[in-house]
PDB file of all heavy atoms in Angstrom:
ATOM      1  N   THR A   1     -64.941 230.151-162.683  1.00  0.00           N
ATOM      2  CA  THR A   1     -64.622 231.586-162.838  1.00  0.00           C
ATOM      3  C   THR A   1     -64.958 232.267-161.560  1.00  0.00           C
ATOM      4  O   THR A   1     -65.715 231.777-160.719  1.00  0.00           O
ATOM      5  CB  THR A   1     -65.451 232.134-163.954  1.00  0.00           C
ATOM      6  OG1 THR A   1     -66.848 231.963-163.658  1.00  0.00           O
ATOM      7  CG2 THR A   1     -65.156 231.502-165.300  1.00  0.00           C
ATOM      8  N   GLY A   2     -64.370 233.416-161.363  1.00  0.00           N
ATOM      9  CA  GLY A   2     -64.599 234.163-160.227  1.00  0.00           C
ATOM     10  C   GLY A   2     -63.701 233.794-159.045  1.00  0.00           C
ATOM     11  O   GLY A   2     -62.848 232.915-159.149  1.00  0.00           O
ATOM     12  N   LYS A   3     -63.965 234.339-157.926  1.00  0.00           N
ATOM     13  CA  LYS A   3     -63.136 234.118-156.722  1.00  0.00           C
ATOM     14  C   LYS A   3     -63.597 232.929-156.004  1.00  0.00           C
ATOM     15  O   LYS A   3     -64.839 232.650-155.864  1.00  0.00           O
ATOM     16  CB  LYS A   3     -63.263 235.407-155.858  1.00  0.00           C
ATOM     17  CG  LYS A   3     -62.340 235.283-154.635  1.00  0.00           C
ATOM     18  CD  LYS A   3     -62.287 236.701-153.955  1.00  0.00           C
ATOM     19  CE  LYS A   3     -61.481 236.605-152.720  1.00  0.00           C
ATOM     20  NZ  LYS A   3     -60.106 236.964-152.789  1.00  0.00           N
ATOM     21  N   ILE A   4     -62.704 232.152-155.422  1.00  0.00           N
ATOM     22  CA  ILE A   4     -63.037 231.026-154.588  1.00  0.00           C
ATOM     23  C   ILE A   4     -62.577 231.358-153.141  1.00  0.00           C
ATOM     24  O   ILE A   4     -61.500 231.842-152.906  1.00  0.00           O
ATOM     25  CB  ILE A   4     -62.218 229.784-155.003  1.00  0.00           C
ATOM     26  CG1 ILE A   4     -62.699 229.270-156.450  1.00  0.00           C
ATOM     27  CG2 ILE A   4     -62.414 228.597-154.043  1.00  0.00           C
ATOM     28  CD1 ILE A   4     -61.859 228.265-157.023  1.00  0.00           C
ATOM     29  N   TYR A   5     -63.542 231.210-152.192  1.00  0.00           N
ATOM     30  CA  TYR A   5     -63.302 231.480-150.863  1.00  0.00           C
ATOM     31  C   TYR A   5     -63.012 230.258-150.041  1.00  0.00           C
ATOM     32  O   TYR A   5     -63.711 229.294-150.160  1.00  0.00           O
ATOM     33  CB  TYR A   5     -64.496 232.209-150.217  1.00  0.00           C
ATOM     34  CG  TYR A   5     -64.778 233.557-150.843  1.00  0.00           C
ATOM     35  CD1 TYR A   5     -65.741 233.677-151.823  1.00  0.00           C
ATOM     36  CD2 TYR A   5     -64.109 234.702-150.388  1.00  0.00           C
ATOM     37  CE1 TYR A   5     -65.960 234.881-152.360  1.00  0.00           C
ATOM     38  CE2 TYR A   5     -64.425 235.942-150.891  1.00  0.00           C
ATOM     39  CZ  TYR A   5     -65.328 236.060-151.917  1.00  0.00           C
ATOM     40  OH  TYR A   5     -65.573 237.296-152.458  1.00  0.00           O
ATOM     41  N   GLU A   6     -61.898 230.271-149.257  1.00  0.00           N
ATOM     42  CA  GLU A   6     -61.612 229.131-148.397  1.00  0.00           C
ATOM     43  C   GLU A   6     -60.974 229.728-147.092  1.00  0.00           C
ATOM     44  O   GLU A   6     -60.287 230.698-147.053  1.00  0.00           O
ATOM     45  CB  GLU A   6     -60.549 228.256-149.053  1.00  0.00           C
ATOM     46  CG  GLU A   6     -61.104 227.466-150.149  1.00  0.00           C
ATOM     47  CD  GLU A   6     -60.040 226.445-150.736  1.00  0.00           C
ATOM     48  OE1 GLU A   6     -59.126 226.903-151.407  1.00  0.00           O
ATOM     49  OE2 GLU A   6     -60.215 225.295-150.328  1.00  0.00           O
ATOM     50  N   GLY A   7     -61.299 229.095-146.011  1.00  0.00           N
ATOM     51  CA  GLY A   7     -60.748 229.531-144.704  1.00  0.00           C
ATOM     52  C   GLY A   7     -59.382 228.867-144.468  1.00  0.00           C
ATOM     53  O   GLY A   7     -59.203 227.719-144.807  1.00  0.00           O
ATOM     54  N   MET A   8     -58.516 229.639-143.892  1.00  0.00           N
ATOM     55  CA  MET A   8     -57.169 229.132-143.554  1.00  0.00           C
ATOM     56  C   MET A   8     -57.130 228.563-142.127  1.00  0.00           C
ATOM     57  O   MET A   8     -58.038 229.007-141.325  1.00  0.00           O
ATOM     58  CB  MET A   8     -56.114 230.300-143.652  1.00  0.00           C
ATOM     59  CG  MET A   8     -56.136 230.994-145.029  1.00  0.00           C
ATOM     60  SD  MET A   8     -55.574 229.913-146.377  1.00  0.00           S
ATOM     61  CE  MET A   8     -53.881 229.770-145.860  1.00  0.00           C
ATOM     62  N   LEU A   9     -56.229 227.724-141.882  1.00  0.00           N
ATOM     63  CA  LEU A   9     -56.152 227.131-140.567  1.00  0.00           C
ATOM     64  C   LEU A   9     -54.968 227.922-139.832  1.00  0.00           C
ATOM     65  O   LEU A   9     -53.985 227.426-139.405  1.00  0.00           O
ATOM     66  CB  LEU A   9     -55.810 225.646-140.595  1.00  0.00           C
ATOM     67  CG  LEU A   9     -56.994 224.784-140.977  1.00  0.00           C
ATOM     68  CD1 LEU A   9     -56.561 223.302-141.116  1.00  0.00           C
ATOM     69  CD2 LEU A   9     -58.017 224.904-139.833  1.00  0.00           C
ATOM     70  N   GLN A  10     -55.241 229.227-139.654  1.00  0.00           N
ATOM     71  CA  GLN A  10     -54.304 230.100-138.984  1.00  0.00           C
ATOM     72  C   GLN A  10     -55.124 230.923-137.946  1.00  0.00           C
ATOM     73  O   GLN A  10     -55.972 231.691-138.318  1.00  0.00           O
ATOM     74  CB  GLN A  10     -53.688 231.092-139.991  1.00  0.00           C
ATOM     75  CG  GLN A  10     -52.731 232.077-139.392  1.00  0.00           C
ATOM     76  CD  GLN A  10     -51.737 231.523-138.466  1.00  0.00           C
ATOM     77  OE1 GLN A  10     -51.848 231.740-137.243  1.00  0.00           O
ATOM     78  NE2 GLN A  10     -50.707 230.904-138.912  1.00  0.00           N
ATOM     79  N   ALA A  11     -54.825 230.665-136.625  1.00  0.00           N
ATOM     80  CA  ALA A  11     -55.581 231.256-135.597  1.00  0.00           C
ATOM     81  C   ALA A  11     -54.997 232.586-135.060  1.00  0.00           C
ATOM     82  O   ALA A  11     -55.572 233.168-134.159  1.00  0.00           O
ATOM     83  CB  ALA A  11     -55.761 230.229-134.399  1.00  0.00           C
ATOM     84  N   SER A  12     -53.936 233.039-135.619  1.00  0.00           N
ATOM     85  CA  SER A  12     -53.244 234.253-135.135  1.00  0.00           C
ATOM     86  C   SER A  12     -54.243 235.450-135.178  1.00  0.00           C
ATOM     87  O   SER A  12     -54.803 235.667-136.218  1.00  0.00           O
ATOM     88  CB  SER A  12     -52.069 234.503-136.011  1.00  0.00           C
ATOM     89  OG  SER A  12     -51.458 235.726-135.577  1.00  0.00           O
ATOM     90  N   GLY A  13     -54.420 236.070-134.124  1.00  0.00           N
ATOM     91  CA  GLY A  13     -55.253 237.312-134.033  1.00  0.00           C
ATOM     92  C   GLY A  13     -56.755 237.010-133.839  1.00  0.00           C
ATOM     93  O   GLY A  13     -57.505 237.890-133.656  1.00  0.00           O
ATOM     94  N   LEU A  14     -57.219 235.718-133.858  1.00  0.00           N
ATOM     95  CA  LEU A  14     -58.532 235.371-133.717  1.00  0.00           C
ATOM     96  C   LEU A  14     -58.877 235.275-132.235  1.00  0.00           C
ATOM     97  O   LEU A  14     -58.045 234.898-131.422  1.00  0.00           O
ATOM     98  CB  LEU A  14     -58.881 234.035-134.406  1.00  0.00           C
ATOM     99  CG  LEU A  14     -58.724 234.028-135.929  1.00  0.00           C
ATOM    100  CD1 LEU A  14     -59.043 232.678-136.481  1.00  0.00           C
ATOM    101  CD2 LEU A  14     -59.667 235.075-136.564  1.00  0.00           C
ATOM    102  N   ARG A  15     -60.102 235.567-131.899  1.00  0.00           N
ATOM    103  CA  ARG A  15     -60.643 235.501-130.525  1.00  0.00           C
ATOM    104  C   ARG A  15     -61.727 234.462-130.451  1.00  0.00           C
ATOM    105  O   ARG A  15     -62.616 234.429-131.325  1.00  0.00           O
ATOM    106  CB  ARG A  15     -61.214 236.869-130.075  1.00  0.00           C
ATOM    107  CG  ARG A  15     -60.095 237.952-130.094  1.00  0.00           C
ATOM    108  CD  ARG A  15     -60.728 239.304-130.142  1.00  0.00           C
ATOM    109  NE  ARG A  15     -61.528 239.446-131.305  1.00  0.00           N
ATOM    110  CZ  ARG A  15     -62.644 240.135-131.497  1.00  0.00           C
ATOM    111  NH1 ARG A  15     -63.099 240.798-130.459  1.00  0.00           N
ATOM    112  NH2 ARG A  15     -63.285 240.173-132.611  1.00  0.00           N
ATOM    113  N   PHE A  16     -61.677 233.638-129.453  1.00  0.00           N
ATOM    114  CA  PHE A  16     -62.585 232.488-129.274  1.00  0.00           C
ATOM    115  C   PHE A  16     -63.327 232.517-127.941  1.00  0.00           C
ATOM    116  O   PHE A  16     -62.701 232.768-126.919  1.00  0.00           O
ATOM    117  CB  PHE A  16     -61.799 231.152-129.430  1.00  0.00           C
ATOM    118  CG  PHE A  16     -61.117 230.959-130.712  1.00  0.00           C
ATOM    119  CD1 PHE A  16     -59.826 231.417-130.811  1.00  0.00           C
ATOM    120  CD2 PHE A  16     -61.773 230.494-131.807  1.00  0.00           C
ATOM    121  CE1 PHE A  16     -59.189 231.278-132.057  1.00  0.00           C
ATOM    122  CE2 PHE A  16     -61.136 230.296-133.053  1.00  0.00           C
ATOM    123  CZ  PHE A  16     -59.785 230.702-133.154  1.00  0.00           C
ATOM    124  N   GLY A  17     -64.589 232.205-127.981  1.00  0.00           N
ATOM    125  CA  GLY A  17     -65.382 231.930-126.763  1.00  0.00           C
ATOM    126  C   GLY A  17     -65.686 230.485-126.726  1.00  0.00           C
ATOM    127  O   GLY A  17     -66.032 229.859-127.827  1.00  0.00           O
ATOM    128  N   ILE A  18     -65.472 229.806-125.606  1.00  0.00           N
ATOM    129  CA  ILE A  18     -65.802 228.378-125.514  1.00  0.00           C
ATOM    130  C   ILE A  18     -66.762 228.171-124.308  1.00  0.00           C
ATOM    131  O   ILE A  18     -66.564 228.734-123.239  1.00  0.00           O
ATOM    132  CB  ILE A  18     -64.479 227.589-125.189  1.00  0.00           C
ATOM    133  CG1 ILE A  18     -63.433 227.822-126.268  1.00  0.00           C
ATOM    134  CG2 ILE A  18     -64.830 226.119-125.105  1.00  0.00           C
ATOM    135  CD1 ILE A  18     -62.085 227.131-126.078  1.00  0.00           C
ATOM    136  N   VAL A  19     -67.782 227.473-124.669  1.00  0.00           N
ATOM    137  CA  VAL A  19     -68.818 227.106-123.649  1.00  0.00           C
ATOM    138  C   VAL A  19     -68.705 225.625-123.320  1.00  0.00           C
ATOM    139  O   VAL A  19     -68.749 224.894-124.246  1.00  0.00           O
ATOM    140  CB  VAL A  19     -70.253 227.465-124.123  1.00  0.00           C
ATOM    141  CG1 VAL A  19     -71.277 227.237-122.975  1.00  0.00           C
ATOM    142  CG2 VAL A  19     -70.398 228.833-124.635  1.00  0.00           C
ATOM    143  N   CYS A  20     -68.497 225.362-122.036  1.00  0.00           N
ATOM    144  CA  CYS A  20     -68.249 223.961-121.605  1.00  0.00           C
ATOM    145  C   CYS A  20     -69.406 223.526-120.666  1.00  0.00           C
ATOM    146  O   CYS A  20     -69.722 224.291-119.742  1.00  0.00           O
ATOM    147  CB  CYS A  20     -66.940 223.806-120.876  1.00  0.00           C
ATOM    148  SG  CYS A  20     -65.541 224.089-121.897  1.00  0.00           S
ATOM    149  N   ALA A  21     -69.879 222.355-120.824  1.00  0.00           N
ATOM    150  CA  ALA A  21     -70.833 221.793-119.882  1.00  0.00           C
ATOM    151  C   ALA A  21     -70.153 221.144-118.645  1.00  0.00           C
ATOM    152  O   ALA A  21     -69.157 220.364-118.862  1.00  0.00           O
ATOM    153  CB  ALA A  21     -71.738 220.722-120.531  1.00  0.00           C
ATOM    154  N   ARG A  22     -70.482 221.487-117.487  1.00  0.00           N
ATOM    155  CA  ARG A  22     -69.875 220.845-116.312  1.00  0.00           C
ATOM    156  C   ARG A  22     -70.312 219.390-116.132  1.00  0.00           C
ATOM    157  O   ARG A  22     -69.570 218.565-115.563  1.00  0.00           O
ATOM    158  CB  ARG A  22     -70.285 221.677-115.086  1.00  0.00           C
ATOM    159  CG  ARG A  22     -69.434 221.313-113.876  1.00  0.00           C
ATOM    160  CD  ARG A  22     -69.608 222.318-112.723  1.00  0.00           C
ATOM    161  NE  ARG A  22     -69.047 223.610-112.954  1.00  0.00           N
ATOM    162  CZ  ARG A  22     -69.728 224.732-113.209  1.00  0.00           C
ATOM    163  NH1 ARG A  22     -71.011 224.721-113.204  1.00  0.00           N
ATOM    164  NH2 ARG A  22     -69.102 225.831-113.425  1.00  0.00           N
ATOM    165  N   PHE A  23     -71.503 219.070-116.619  1.00  0.00           N
ATOM    166  CA  PHE A  23     -71.993 217.663-116.460  1.00  0.00           C
ATOM    167  C   PHE A  23     -71.045 216.790-117.329  1.00  0.00           C
ATOM    168  O   PHE A  23     -70.730 217.165-118.488  1.00  0.00           O
ATOM    169  CB  PHE A  23     -73.416 217.543-116.923  1.00  0.00           C
ATOM    170  CG  PHE A  23     -74.114 216.289-116.474  1.00  0.00           C
ATOM    171  CD1 PHE A  23     -74.575 216.157-115.251  1.00  0.00           C
ATOM    172  CD2 PHE A  23     -74.213 215.196-117.388  1.00  0.00           C
ATOM    173  CE1 PHE A  23     -75.252 214.943-114.855  1.00  0.00           C
ATOM    174  CE2 PHE A  23     -74.830 214.024-116.982  1.00  0.00           C
ATOM    175  CZ  PHE A  23     -75.350 213.877-115.706  1.00  0.00           C
ATOM    176  N   ASN A  24     -70.597 215.687-116.816  1.00  0.00           N
ATOM    177  CA  ASN A  24     -69.579 214.917-117.493  1.00  0.00           C
ATOM    178  C   ASN A  24     -68.274 215.674-117.684  1.00  0.00           C
ATOM    179  O   ASN A  24     -67.569 215.484-118.666  1.00  0.00           O
ATOM    180  CB  ASN A  24     -70.042 214.303-118.872  1.00  0.00           C
ATOM    181  CG  ASN A  24     -71.100 213.266-118.646  1.00  0.00           C
ATOM    182  OD1 ASN A  24     -71.031 212.459-117.843  1.00  0.00           O
ATOM    183  ND2 ASN A  24     -72.123 213.337-119.549  1.00  0.00           N
ATOM    184  N   GLU A  25     -67.941 216.443-116.674  1.00  0.00           N
ATOM    185  CA  GLU A  25     -66.790 217.305-116.724  1.00  0.00           C
ATOM    186  C   GLU A  25     -65.474 216.560-116.964  1.00  0.00           C
ATOM    187  O   GLU A  25     -64.541 217.066-117.601  1.00  0.00           O
ATOM    188  CB  GLU A  25     -66.677 218.078-115.388  1.00  0.00           C
ATOM    189  CG  GLU A  25     -65.594 219.186-115.372  1.00  0.00           C
ATOM    190  CD  GLU A  25     -64.184 218.638-114.920  1.00  0.00           C
ATOM    191  OE1 GLU A  25     -64.174 217.550-114.258  1.00  0.00           O
ATOM    192  OE2 GLU A  25     -63.217 219.293-115.300  1.00  0.00           O
ATOM    193  N   PHE A  26     -65.336 215.327-116.513  1.00  0.00           N
ATOM    194  CA  PHE A  26     -64.169 214.505-116.793  1.00  0.00           C
ATOM    195  C   PHE A  26     -63.866 214.494-118.281  1.00  0.00           C
ATOM    196  O   PHE A  26     -62.751 214.665-118.669  1.00  0.00           O
ATOM    197  CB  PHE A  26     -64.327 213.095-116.241  1.00  0.00           C
ATOM    198  CG  PHE A  26     -63.204 212.197-116.604  1.00  0.00           C
ATOM    199  CD1 PHE A  26     -62.004 212.267-115.853  1.00  0.00           C
ATOM    200  CD2 PHE A  26     -63.245 211.323-117.611  1.00  0.00           C
ATOM    201  CE1 PHE A  26     -60.939 211.435-116.172  1.00  0.00           C
ATOM    202  CE2 PHE A  26     -62.183 210.494-117.980  1.00  0.00           C
ATOM    203  CZ  PHE A  26     -61.029 210.555-117.253  1.00  0.00           C
ATOM    204  N   PHE A  27     -64.851 214.202-119.093  1.00  0.00           N
ATOM    205  CA  PHE A  27     -64.632 214.196-120.524  1.00  0.00           C
ATOM    206  C   PHE A  27     -64.569 215.624-121.117  1.00  0.00           C
ATOM    207  O   PHE A  27     -63.792 215.827-122.042  1.00  0.00           O
ATOM    208  CB  PHE A  27     -65.821 213.431-121.223  1.00  0.00           C
ATOM    209  CG  PHE A  27     -65.956 212.014-120.727  1.00  0.00           C
ATOM    210  CD1 PHE A  27     -67.017 211.635-119.927  1.00  0.00           C
ATOM    211  CD2 PHE A  27     -65.008 211.147-121.025  1.00  0.00           C
ATOM    212  CE1 PHE A  27     -67.203 210.319-119.523  1.00  0.00           C
ATOM    213  CE2 PHE A  27     -65.077 209.799-120.569  1.00  0.00           C
ATOM    214  CZ  PHE A  27     -66.145 209.441-119.806  1.00  0.00           C
ATOM    215  N   VAL A  28     -65.428 216.521-120.619  1.00  0.00           N
ATOM    216  CA  VAL A  28     -65.462 217.880-121.196  1.00  0.00           C
ATOM    217  C   VAL A  28     -64.111 218.562-121.021  1.00  0.00           C
ATOM    218  O   VAL A  28     -63.623 219.350-121.890  1.00  0.00           O
ATOM    219  CB  VAL A  28     -66.659 218.662-120.634  1.00  0.00           C
ATOM    220  CG1 VAL A  28     -66.588 220.068-121.152  1.00  0.00           C
ATOM    221  CG2 VAL A  28     -67.975 218.040-120.987  1.00  0.00           C
ATOM    222  N   SER A  29     -63.467 218.384-119.888  1.00  0.00           N
ATOM    223  CA  SER A  29     -62.142 218.975-119.632  1.00  0.00           C
ATOM    224  C   SER A  29     -61.127 218.521-120.662  1.00  0.00           C
ATOM    225  O   SER A  29     -60.249 219.307-121.118  1.00  0.00           O
ATOM    226  CB  SER A  29     -61.666 218.695-118.225  1.00  0.00           C
ATOM    227  OG  SER A  29     -61.437 217.320-117.999  1.00  0.00           O
ATOM    228  N   LYS A  30     -61.234 217.338-121.138  1.00  0.00           N
ATOM    229  CA  LYS A  30     -60.364 216.777-122.146  1.00  0.00           C
ATOM    230  C   LYS A  30     -60.656 217.454-123.559  1.00  0.00           C
ATOM    231  O   LYS A  30     -59.758 217.777-124.300  1.00  0.00           O
ATOM    232  CB  LYS A  30     -60.521 215.256-122.296  1.00  0.00           C
ATOM    233  CG  LYS A  30     -60.360 214.446-121.097  1.00  0.00           C
ATOM    234  CD  LYS A  30     -58.980 214.093-120.772  1.00  0.00           C
ATOM    235  CE  LYS A  30     -58.783 213.083-119.631  1.00  0.00           C
ATOM    236  NZ  LYS A  30     -58.473 213.754-118.380  1.00  0.00           N
ATOM    237  N   LEU A  31     -61.928 217.694-123.783  1.00  0.00           N
ATOM    238  CA  LEU A  31     -62.331 218.423-125.026  1.00  0.00           C
ATOM    239  C   LEU A  31     -61.759 219.840-124.952  1.00  0.00           C
ATOM    240  O   LEU A  31     -61.343 220.300-125.968  1.00  0.00           O
ATOM    241  CB  LEU A  31     -63.870 218.422-125.189  1.00  0.00           C
ATOM    242  CG  LEU A  31     -64.585 217.117-125.279  1.00  0.00           C
ATOM    243  CD1 LEU A  31     -66.121 217.256-125.384  1.00  0.00           C
ATOM    244  CD2 LEU A  31     -64.072 216.311-126.442  1.00  0.00           C
ATOM    245  N   LEU A  32     -61.903 220.439-123.857  1.00  0.00           N
ATOM    246  CA  LEU A  32     -61.355 221.869-123.710  1.00  0.00           C
ATOM    247  C   LEU A  32     -59.912 221.903-123.861  1.00  0.00           C
ATOM    248  O   LEU A  32     -59.383 222.729-124.670  1.00  0.00           O
ATOM    249  CB  LEU A  32     -61.777 222.433-122.273  1.00  0.00           C
ATOM    250  CG  LEU A  32     -61.262 223.781-121.955  1.00  0.00           C
ATOM    251  CD1 LEU A  32     -61.735 224.842-122.978  1.00  0.00           C
ATOM    252  CD2 LEU A  32     -61.638 224.188-120.574  1.00  0.00           C
ATOM    253  N   SER A  33     -59.199 221.023-123.322  1.00  0.00           N
ATOM    254  CA  SER A  33     -57.692 220.907-123.527  1.00  0.00           C
ATOM    255  C   SER A  33     -57.404 220.703-125.024  1.00  0.00           C
ATOM    256  O   SER A  33     -56.474 221.345-125.532  1.00  0.00           O
ATOM    257  CB  SER A  33     -57.039 219.786-122.718  1.00  0.00           C
ATOM    258  OG  SER A  33     -57.168 220.049-121.329  1.00  0.00           O
ATOM    259  N   GLY A  34     -58.083 219.846-125.670  1.00  0.00           N
ATOM    260  CA  GLY A  34     -57.880 219.586-127.080  1.00  0.00           C
ATOM    261  C   GLY A  34     -58.136 220.816-127.919  1.00  0.00           C
ATOM    262  O   GLY A  34     -57.422 221.159-128.891  1.00  0.00           O
ATOM    263  N   ALA A  35     -59.201 221.541-127.605  1.00  0.00           N
ATOM    264  CA  ALA A  35     -59.609 222.834-128.282  1.00  0.00           C
ATOM    265  C   ALA A  35     -58.530 223.869-128.155  1.00  0.00           C
ATOM    266  O   ALA A  35     -58.069 224.464-129.178  1.00  0.00           O
ATOM    267  CB  ALA A  35     -60.977 223.319-127.877  1.00  0.00           C
ATOM    268  N   ILE A  36     -58.081 224.072-126.899  1.00  0.00           N
ATOM    269  CA  ILE A  36     -57.056 225.105-126.667  1.00  0.00           C
ATOM    270  C   ILE A  36     -55.810 224.730-127.352  1.00  0.00           C
ATOM    271  O   ILE A  36     -55.138 225.566-128.017  1.00  0.00           O
ATOM    272  CB  ILE A  36     -56.866 225.289-125.176  1.00  0.00           C
ATOM    273  CG1 ILE A  36     -58.132 225.962-124.537  1.00  0.00           C
ATOM    274  CG2 ILE A  36     -55.627 226.169-124.822  1.00  0.00           C
ATOM    275  CD1 ILE A  36     -58.171 225.961-123.017  1.00  0.00           C
ATOM    276  N   ASP A  37     -55.309 223.466-127.235  1.00  0.00           N
ATOM    277  CA  ASP A  37     -54.147 223.050-127.898  1.00  0.00           C
ATOM    278  C   ASP A  37     -54.217 223.206-129.440  1.00  0.00           C
ATOM    279  O   ASP A  37     -53.224 223.698-130.021  1.00  0.00           O
ATOM    280  CB  ASP A  37     -53.967 221.528-127.616  1.00  0.00           C
ATOM    281  CG  ASP A  37     -52.661 220.991-128.230  1.00  0.00           C
ATOM    282  OD1 ASP A  37     -51.562 221.457-127.822  1.00  0.00           O
ATOM    283  OD2 ASP A  37     -52.763 220.097-129.141  1.00  0.00           O
ATOM    284  N   ALA A  38     -55.371 222.936-130.074  1.00  0.00           N
ATOM    285  CA  ALA A  38     -55.484 223.097-131.481  1.00  0.00           C
ATOM    286  C   ALA A  38     -55.354 224.557-131.884  1.00  0.00           C
ATOM    287  O   ALA A  38     -54.697 224.914-132.883  1.00  0.00           O
ATOM    288  CB  ALA A  38     -56.790 222.471-131.998  1.00  0.00           C
ATOM    289  N   ILE A  39     -56.030 225.417-131.099  1.00  0.00           N
ATOM    290  CA  ILE A  39     -55.969 226.888-131.388  1.00  0.00           C
ATOM    291  C   ILE A  39     -54.511 227.375-131.246  1.00  0.00           C
ATOM    292  O   ILE A  39     -53.977 228.073-132.157  1.00  0.00           O
ATOM    293  CB  ILE A  39     -56.869 227.597-130.431  1.00  0.00           C
ATOM    294  CG1 ILE A  39     -58.372 227.343-130.816  1.00  0.00           C
ATOM    295  CG2 ILE A  39     -56.635 229.208-130.536  1.00  0.00           C
ATOM    296  CD1 ILE A  39     -59.381 227.825-129.784  1.00  0.00           C
ATOM    297  N   VAL A  40     -53.830 227.041-130.156  1.00  0.00           N
ATOM    298  CA  VAL A  40     -52.483 227.482-129.945  1.00  0.00           C
ATOM    299  C   VAL A  40     -51.536 226.943-131.003  1.00  0.00           C
ATOM    300  O   VAL A  40     -50.632 227.635-131.528  1.00  0.00           O
ATOM    301  CB  VAL A  40     -52.018 227.121-128.527  1.00  0.00           C
ATOM    302  CG1 VAL A  40     -50.521 227.391-128.333  1.00  0.00           C
ATOM    303  CG2 VAL A  40     -52.796 227.973-127.509  1.00  0.00           C
ATOM    304  N   ARG A  41     -51.653 225.664-131.339  1.00  0.00           N
ATOM    305  CA  ARG A  41     -50.823 225.022-132.348  1.00  0.00           C
ATOM    306  C   ARG A  41     -50.970 225.656-133.765  1.00  0.00           C
ATOM    307  O   ARG A  41     -50.083 225.508-134.586  1.00  0.00           O
ATOM    308  CB  ARG A  41     -51.122 223.530-132.473  1.00  0.00           C
ATOM    309  CG  ARG A  41     -50.511 222.695-131.380  1.00  0.00           C
ATOM    310  CD  ARG A  41     -50.871 221.245-131.549  1.00  0.00           C
ATOM    311  NE  ARG A  41     -50.411 220.427-130.429  1.00  0.00           N
ATOM    312  CZ  ARG A  41     -49.287 219.696-130.471  1.00  0.00           C
ATOM    313  NH1 ARG A  41     -48.574 219.693-131.556  1.00  0.00           N
ATOM    314  NH2 ARG A  41     -48.984 219.057-129.450  1.00  0.00           N
ATOM    315  N   HIS A  42     -52.076 226.322-133.940  1.00  0.00           N
ATOM    316  CA  HIS A  42     -52.321 226.987-135.275  1.00  0.00           C
ATOM    317  C   HIS A  42     -52.114 228.501-135.155  1.00  0.00           C
ATOM    318  O   HIS A  42     -52.703 229.209-135.936  1.00  0.00           O
ATOM    319  CB  HIS A  42     -53.678 226.656-135.798  1.00  0.00           C
ATOM    320  CG  HIS A  42     -53.736 225.186-136.253  1.00  0.00           C
ATOM    321  ND1 HIS A  42     -54.070 224.154-135.491  1.00  0.00           N
ATOM    322  CD2 HIS A  42     -53.525 224.718-137.507  1.00  0.00           C
ATOM    323  CE1 HIS A  42     -54.026 223.028-136.153  1.00  0.00           C
ATOM    324  NE2 HIS A  42     -53.712 223.366-137.457  1.00  0.00           N
ATOM    325  N   GLY A  43     -51.311 228.856-134.208  1.00  0.00           N
ATOM    326  CA  GLY A  43     -50.886 230.306-134.107  1.00  0.00           C
ATOM    327  C   GLY A  43     -51.692 231.157-133.243  1.00  0.00           C
ATOM    328  O   GLY A  43     -51.492 232.357-133.191  1.00  0.00           O
TER     329      GLY A  43
END
C-alpha cells in the first residue's frame, strides 16, 4: 500500500560533478569516458 519510489534512468536536466584521481590516470581516464558516455546515452 502507499507510494513506491524508484529512480528513473533519465539524465535529462541533471547536473553532475565528477572527481577523478590523477594517480593511475591511464585507467581513470577510461572510467571518466565511461561515466560521461553513460550520462549522455541516458539523455
